[in-house]
């Protein structure tokens, strides 16, 4: 389903947004949640640059995954940046979410080990309010015992007031959850195998 994934471009302002016919799936989440690792897990190769320093993604990055465009949104809540810079990223992300007609779904990433933060709740409230469809991806599932995954998913679902079926636990290290995530994307895009 993902064919020859490639980096397309970065956007620093709405005038830079990618104009393409393909549907887009956006990846959003806190700066240290493992967005780049998740993108690489989906791509099956090292596509996005990972960093030891959270908050490195300050632009919107577009990746062509073959059947769709994966859009990596700037992370929130951790980056060492000025207040003005952080507000600018927020405006950039909001412009994208409100303007992008090809946006099919937001994949909101959370660290499975921790309860959702205030910023995570704000994003979920925003997505509900603007009626933007989203699913929750609980990253770093390899960092907890397998027996804890289901209970943690239940706790996150209760926190965010979403169904447990709307949350997929993944691990970029073991590949856990990749198949389920690809199946979700296939359903979103109505792609036949």
C-alpha atoms as a PDB file:
ATOM      1  CA  UNK A   1       0.000   0.000   0.000  1.00  0.00           C
ATOM      2  CA  UNK A   2       2.902   2.371   0.724  1.00  0.00           C
ATOM      3  CA  UNK A   3       4.969   2.613  -2.442  1.00  0.00           C
ATOM      4  CA  UNK A   4       8.366   4.320  -2.756  1.00  0.00           C
ATOM      5  CA  UNK A   5       7.839   6.848   0.046  1.00  0.00           C
ATOM      6  CA  UNK A   6       9.692  10.135  -0.483  1.00  0.00           C
ATOM      7  CA  UNK A   7      10.047  13.490   1.245  1.00  0.00           C
ATOM      8  CA  UNK A   8       8.303  16.128  -0.905  1.00  0.00           C
ATOM      9  CA  UNK A   9       8.743  19.527   0.752  1.00  0.00           C
ATOM     10  CA  UNK A  10       8.487  21.609   3.910  1.00  0.00           C
ATOM     11  CA  UNK A  11       6.107  24.497   4.495  1.00  0.00           C
ATOM     12  CA  UNK A  12       6.907  27.449   6.742  1.00  0.00           C
ATOM     13  CA  UNK A  13       3.718  29.374   5.938  1.00  0.00           C
ATOM     14  CA  UNK A  14       0.302  28.735   4.350  1.00  0.00           C
ATOM     15  CA  UNK A  15       1.594  29.995   0.993  1.00  0.00           C
ATOM     16  CA  UNK A  16       4.020  27.020   1.032  1.00  0.00           C
ATOM     17  CA  UNK A  17       1.300  24.390   1.610  1.00  0.00           C
ATOM     18  CA  UNK A  18       1.465  21.476  -0.816  1.00  0.00           C
ATOM     19  CA  UNK A  19      -1.083  21.534  -3.593  1.00  0.00           C
ATOM     20  CA  UNK A  20      -1.738  17.918  -4.543  1.00  0.00           C
ATOM     21  CA  UNK A  21      -4.678  15.759  -5.608  1.00  0.00           C
ATOM     22  CA  UNK A  22      -3.929  12.970  -3.140  1.00  0.00           C
ATOM     23  CA  UNK A  23      -5.664  12.727   0.216  1.00  0.00           C
ATOM     24  CA  UNK A  24      -3.590  13.741   3.219  1.00  0.00           C
ATOM     25  CA  UNK A  25      -3.191  12.134   6.613  1.00  0.00           C
ATOM     26  CA  UNK A  26      -1.607  14.400   9.212  1.00  0.00           C
ATOM     27  CA  UNK A  27       0.536  13.290  12.150  1.00  0.00           C
ATOM     28  CA  UNK A  28       0.239  15.468  15.273  1.00  0.00           C
ATOM     29  CA  UNK A  29       1.528  15.186  18.812  1.00  0.00           C
ATOM     30  CA  UNK A  30       3.898  16.353  21.487  1.00  0.00           C
ATOM     31  CA  UNK A  31       7.478  17.017  20.480  1.00  0.00           C
ATOM     32  CA  UNK A  32       8.885  13.992  22.313  1.00  0.00           C
ATOM     33  CA  UNK A  33       6.217  11.464  21.350  1.00  0.00           C
ATOM     34  CA  UNK A  34       8.183   9.831  18.509  1.00  0.00           C
ATOM     35  CA  UNK A  35       6.505  11.253  15.401  1.00  0.00           C
ATOM     36  CA  UNK A  36       9.544  10.776  13.141  1.00  0.00           C
ATOM     37  CA  UNK A  37      10.010   7.190  14.352  1.00  0.00           C
ATOM     38  CA  UNK A  38       6.306   6.522  13.702  1.00  0.00           C
ATOM     39  CA  UNK A  39       6.586   7.926  10.158  1.00  0.00           C
ATOM     40  CA  UNK A  40       9.600   5.685   9.555  1.00  0.00           C
ATOM     41  CA  UNK A  41       7.661   2.697  10.933  1.00  0.00           C
ATOM     42  CA  UNK A  42       4.852   3.314   8.426  1.00  0.00           C
ATOM     43  CA  UNK A  43       7.247   3.956   5.548  1.00  0.00           C
ATOM     44  CA  UNK A  44       9.254   0.821   6.318  1.00  0.00           C
ATOM     45  CA  UNK A  45      12.462   2.846   5.909  1.00  0.00           C
ATOM     46  CA  UNK A  46      14.285   5.842   7.361  1.00  0.00           C
ATOM     47  CA  UNK A  47      12.235   8.601   5.758  1.00  0.00           C
ATOM     48  CA  UNK A  48      11.922  11.222   8.508  1.00  0.00           C
ATOM     49  CA  UNK A  49      14.927  12.461  10.473  1.00  0.00           C
ATOM     50  CA  UNK A  50      14.809  11.409  14.105  1.00  0.00           C
ATOM     51  CA  UNK A  51      16.497  13.506  16.757  1.00  0.00           C
ATOM     52  CA  UNK A  52      17.529  13.161  20.388  1.00  0.00           C
ATOM     53  CA  UNK A  53      16.326  16.752  20.831  1.00  0.00           C
ATOM     54  CA  UNK A  54      12.521  16.996  20.966  1.00  0.00           C
ATOM     55  CA  UNK A  55      10.889  19.834  19.075  1.00  0.00           C
ATOM     56  CA  UNK A  56      13.094  19.790  15.993  1.00  0.00           C
ATOM     57  CA  UNK A  57      10.165  19.747  13.547  1.00  0.00           C
ATOM     58  CA  UNK A  58       9.342  23.430  13.173  1.00  0.00           C
ATOM     59  CA  UNK A  59       7.847  23.235   9.692  1.00  0.00           C
ATOM     60  CA  UNK A  60       5.078  21.184   8.139  1.00  0.00           C
ATOM     61  CA  UNK A  61       6.801  18.323   6.304  1.00  0.00           C
ATOM     62  CA  UNK A  62       5.103  16.461   3.461  1.00  0.00           C
ATOM     63  CA  UNK A  63       5.888  12.866   2.516  1.00  0.00           C
ATOM     64  CA  UNK A  64       4.428  11.164  -0.562  1.00  0.00           C
ATOM     65  CA  UNK A  65       3.578   7.610   0.505  1.00  0.00           C
ATOM     66  CA  UNK A  66       2.330   6.490  -2.931  1.00  0.00           C
ATOM     67  CA  UNK A  67      -1.428   6.376  -2.339  1.00  0.00           C
ATOM     68  CA  UNK A  68      -1.549   9.393  -0.031  1.00  0.00           C
ATOM     69  CA  UNK A  69       0.439  12.291   1.437  1.00  0.00           C
ATOM     70  CA  UNK A  70       1.579  11.981   5.045  1.00  0.00           C
ATOM     71  CA  UNK A  71       1.864  15.421   6.639  1.00  0.00           C
ATOM     72  CA  UNK A  72       4.097  15.813   9.692  1.00  0.00           C
ATOM     73  CA  UNK A  73       2.906  18.756  11.801  1.00  0.00           C
ATOM     74  CA  UNK A  74       5.253  20.603  14.199  1.00  0.00           C
ATOM     75  CA  UNK A  75       5.270  19.014  17.661  1.00  0.00           C
ATOM     76  CA  UNK A  76       3.960  20.912  20.638  1.00  0.00           C
ATOM     77  CA  UNK A  77       4.765  21.349  24.304  1.00  0.00           C
ATOM     78  CA  UNK A  78       8.491  20.755  24.611  1.00  0.00           C
ATOM     79  CA  UNK A  79      10.606  22.742  22.180  1.00  0.00           C
ATOM     80  CA  UNK A  80      13.040  25.318  23.494  1.00  0.00           C
ATOM     81  CA  UNK A  81      11.752  28.259  21.505  1.00  0.00           C
ATOM     82  CA  UNK A  82      10.535  31.773  22.096  1.00  0.00           C
ATOM     83  CA  UNK A  83       6.864  32.376  22.856  1.00  0.00           C
ATOM     84  CA  UNK A  84       6.531  34.162  19.511  1.00  0.00           C
ATOM     85  CA  UNK A  85       7.977  31.192  17.641  1.00  0.00           C
ATOM     86  CA  UNK A  86       5.682  28.750  19.438  1.00  0.00           C
ATOM     87  CA  UNK A  87       2.644  30.933  18.603  1.00  0.00           C
ATOM     88  CA  UNK A  88       3.760  31.009  14.967  1.00  0.00           C
ATOM     89  CA  UNK A  89       3.862  27.197  14.834  1.00  0.00           C
ATOM     90  CA  UNK A  90       0.384  27.073  16.401  1.00  0.00           C
ATOM     91  CA  UNK A  91      -0.985  29.439  13.769  1.00  0.00           C
ATOM     92  CA  UNK A  92       0.710  27.409  11.009  1.00  0.00           C
ATOM     93  CA  UNK A  93      -0.856  24.162  12.262  1.00  0.00           C
ATOM     94  CA  UNK A  94      -4.282  25.745  12.703  1.00  0.00           C
ATOM     95  CA  UNK A  95      -4.128  27.213   9.178  1.00  0.00           C
ATOM     96  CA  UNK A  96      -3.284  23.763   7.818  1.00  0.00           C
ATOM     97  CA  UNK A  97      -6.076  22.000   9.740  1.00  0.00           C
ATOM     98  CA  UNK A  98      -8.711  24.528   8.708  1.00  0.00           C
ATOM     99  CA  UNK A  99      -7.643  25.064   5.086  1.00  0.00           C
ATOM    100  CA  UNK A 100      -6.525  21.649   3.847  1.00  0.00           C
ATOM    101  CA  UNK A 101      -9.442  20.278   1.847  1.00  0.00           C
ATOM    102  CA  UNK A 102      -7.608  17.003   1.142  1.00  0.00           C
ATOM    103  CA  UNK A 103      -7.136  16.242   4.877  1.00  0.00           C
ATOM    104  CA  UNK A 104      -8.738  12.836   5.455  1.00  0.00           C
ATOM    105  CA  UNK A 105      -7.649  12.179   9.058  1.00  0.00           C
ATOM    106  CA  UNK A 106      -5.377  13.373  11.847  1.00  0.00           C
ATOM    107  CA  UNK A 107      -3.351  10.688  13.596  1.00  0.00           C
ATOM    108  CA  UNK A 108      -2.800  12.085  17.071  1.00  0.00           C
ATOM    109  CA  UNK A 109       0.213  10.518  18.769  1.00  0.00           C
ATOM    110  CA  UNK A 110       0.462  10.006  22.527  1.00  0.00           C
ATOM    111  CA  UNK A 111       3.081   8.218  24.645  1.00  0.00           C
ATOM    112  CA  UNK A 112       1.314   5.103  25.989  1.00  0.00           C
ATOM    113  CA  UNK A 113       3.232   5.372  29.277  1.00  0.00           C
ATOM    114  CA  UNK A 114       1.747   8.723  30.299  1.00  0.00           C
ATOM    115  CA  UNK A 115      -1.737  10.192  30.690  1.00  0.00           C
ATOM    116  CA  UNK A 116      -2.693  12.749  28.032  1.00  0.00           C
ATOM    117  CA  UNK A 117      -1.383  16.229  28.838  1.00  0.00           C
ATOM    118  CA  UNK A 118      -3.349  19.473  28.922  1.00  0.00           C
ATOM    119  CA  UNK A 119      -2.059  20.228  25.394  1.00  0.00           C
ATOM    120  CA  UNK A 120      -3.210  16.791  24.186  1.00  0.00           C
ATOM    121  CA  UNK A 121      -6.680  17.535  25.600  1.00  0.00           C
ATOM    122  CA  UNK A 122      -6.693  20.936  23.882  1.00  0.00           C
ATOM    123  CA  UNK A 123      -5.900  19.308  20.528  1.00  0.00           C
ATOM    124  CA  UNK A 124      -8.613  16.662  20.965  1.00  0.00           C
ATOM    125  CA  UNK A 125     -11.153  19.332  21.957  1.00  0.00           C
ATOM    126  CA  UNK A 126     -10.130  21.378  18.913  1.00  0.00           C
ATOM    127  CA  UNK A 127     -10.509  18.373  16.569  1.00  0.00           C
ATOM    128  CA  UNK A 128     -13.944  17.539  18.040  1.00  0.00           C
ATOM    129  CA  UNK A 129     -15.045  21.188  17.809  1.00  0.00           C
ATOM    130  CA  UNK A 130     -13.928  21.593  14.194  1.00  0.00           C
ATOM    131  CA  UNK A 131     -15.266  18.121  13.267  1.00  0.00           C
ATOM    132  CA  UNK A 132     -11.888  16.991  11.918  1.00  0.00           C
ATOM    133  CA  UNK A 133     -11.778  13.175  12.005  1.00  0.00           C
ATOM    134  CA  UNK A 134      -8.934  11.747  14.074  1.00  0.00           C
ATOM    135  CA  UNK A 135      -7.560   8.540  15.514  1.00  0.00           C
ATOM    136  CA  UNK A 136      -5.184   8.159  18.458  1.00  0.00           C
ATOM    137  CA  UNK A 137      -1.860   6.344  18.084  1.00  0.00           C
ATOM    138  CA  UNK A 138      -0.312   5.295  21.408  1.00  0.00           C
ATOM    139  CA  UNK A 139       3.453   5.155  20.761  1.00  0.00           C
ATOM    140  CA  UNK A 140       6.321   3.438  22.611  1.00  0.00           C
ATOM    141  CA  UNK A 141       4.298   0.283  23.353  1.00  0.00           C
ATOM    142  CA  UNK A 142       7.580  -1.657  23.653  1.00  0.00           C
ATOM    143  CA  UNK A 143       8.405   0.375  26.791  1.00  0.00           C
ATOM    144  CA  UNK A 144       5.675  -1.327  28.847  1.00  0.00           C
ATOM    145  CA  UNK A 145       4.762  -4.973  29.463  1.00  0.00           C
ATOM    146  CA  UNK A 146       2.494  -6.484  26.794  1.00  0.00           C
ATOM    147  CA  UNK A 147      -0.080  -7.214  29.501  1.00  0.00           C
ATOM    148  CA  UNK A 148      -0.270  -3.453  30.262  1.00  0.00           C
ATOM    149  CA  UNK A 149      -1.033  -2.336  26.685  1.00  0.00           C
ATOM    150  CA  UNK A 150      -4.786  -2.997  26.723  1.00  0.00           C
ATOM    151  CA  UNK A 151      -5.352  -1.442  30.186  1.00  0.00           C
ATOM    152  CA  UNK A 152      -3.320   1.651  29.180  1.00  0.00           C
ATOM    153  CA  UNK A 153      -5.357   2.007  25.963  1.00  0.00           C
ATOM    154  CA  UNK A 154      -8.545   1.852  28.098  1.00  0.00           C
ATOM    155  CA  UNK A 155      -7.201   4.551  30.434  1.00  0.00           C
ATOM    156  CA  UNK A 156      -6.241   6.849  27.523  1.00  0.00           C
ATOM    157  CA  UNK A 157      -9.678   6.305  25.923  1.00  0.00           C
ATOM    158  CA  UNK A 158     -11.388   7.282  29.195  1.00  0.00           C
ATOM    159  CA  UNK A 159      -9.178  10.378  29.556  1.00  0.00           C
ATOM    160  CA  UNK A 160      -9.895  11.594  26.018  1.00  0.00           C
ATOM    161  CA  UNK A 161     -13.519  10.411  25.892  1.00  0.00           C
ATOM    162  CA  UNK A 162     -12.933   8.348  22.744  1.00  0.00           C
ATOM    163  CA  UNK A 163     -13.644   4.696  22.038  1.00  0.00           C
ATOM    164  CA  UNK A 164     -10.908   2.126  22.692  1.00  0.00           C
ATOM    165  CA  UNK A 165     -11.317   1.081  19.054  1.00  0.00           C
ATOM    166  CA  UNK A 166     -10.135   4.568  18.039  1.00  0.00           C
ATOM    167  CA  UNK A 167      -6.717   3.959  19.630  1.00  0.00           C
ATOM    168  CA  UNK A 168      -3.914   1.859  18.144  1.00  0.00           C
ATOM    169  CA  UNK A 169      -0.846   0.997  20.243  1.00  0.00           C
ATOM    170  CA  UNK A 170       2.399   0.937  18.235  1.00  0.00           C
ATOM    171  CA  UNK A 171       6.126   0.442  18.671  1.00  0.00           C
ATOM    172  CA  UNK A 172       8.572   1.788  16.122  1.00  0.00           C
ATOM    173  CA  UNK A 173      11.226  -0.559  17.545  1.00  0.00           C
ATOM    174  CA  UNK A 174       9.339  -3.847  17.249  1.00  0.00           C
ATOM    175  CA  UNK A 175       6.834  -3.012  14.495  1.00  0.00           C
ATOM    176  CA  UNK A 176       3.949  -3.684  16.890  1.00  0.00           C
ATOM    177  CA  UNK A 177       0.746  -2.060  15.586  1.00  0.00           C
ATOM    178  CA  UNK A 178       2.073  -1.289  12.090  1.00  0.00           C
ATOM    179  CA  UNK A 179      -0.314  -3.706  10.404  1.00  0.00           C
ATOM    180  CA  UNK A 180      -3.310  -2.256  12.299  1.00  0.00           C
ATOM    181  CA  UNK A 181      -2.274   1.312  11.443  1.00  0.00           C
ATOM    182  CA  UNK A 182      -1.911   0.473   7.756  1.00  0.00           C
ATOM    183  CA  UNK A 183      -5.322  -1.214   7.861  1.00  0.00           C
ATOM    184  CA  UNK A 184      -6.812   1.958   9.381  1.00  0.00           C
ATOM    185  CA  UNK A 185      -5.218   4.082   6.641  1.00  0.00           C
ATOM    186  CA  UNK A 186      -6.497   1.711   3.978  1.00  0.00           C
ATOM    187  CA  UNK A 187     -10.034   2.091   5.376  1.00  0.00           C
ATOM    188  CA  UNK A 188      -9.725   5.890   5.523  1.00  0.00           C
ATOM    189  CA  UNK A 189      -8.597   6.064   1.911  1.00  0.00           C
ATOM    190  CA  UNK A 190     -10.919   3.264   0.686  1.00  0.00           C
ATOM    191  CA  UNK A 191      -7.995   1.427  -0.897  1.00  0.00           C
ATOM    192  CA  UNK A 192      -8.618  -2.101  -2.096  1.00  0.00           C
ATOM    193  CA  UNK A 193      -5.778  -4.564  -1.692  1.00  0.00           C
END
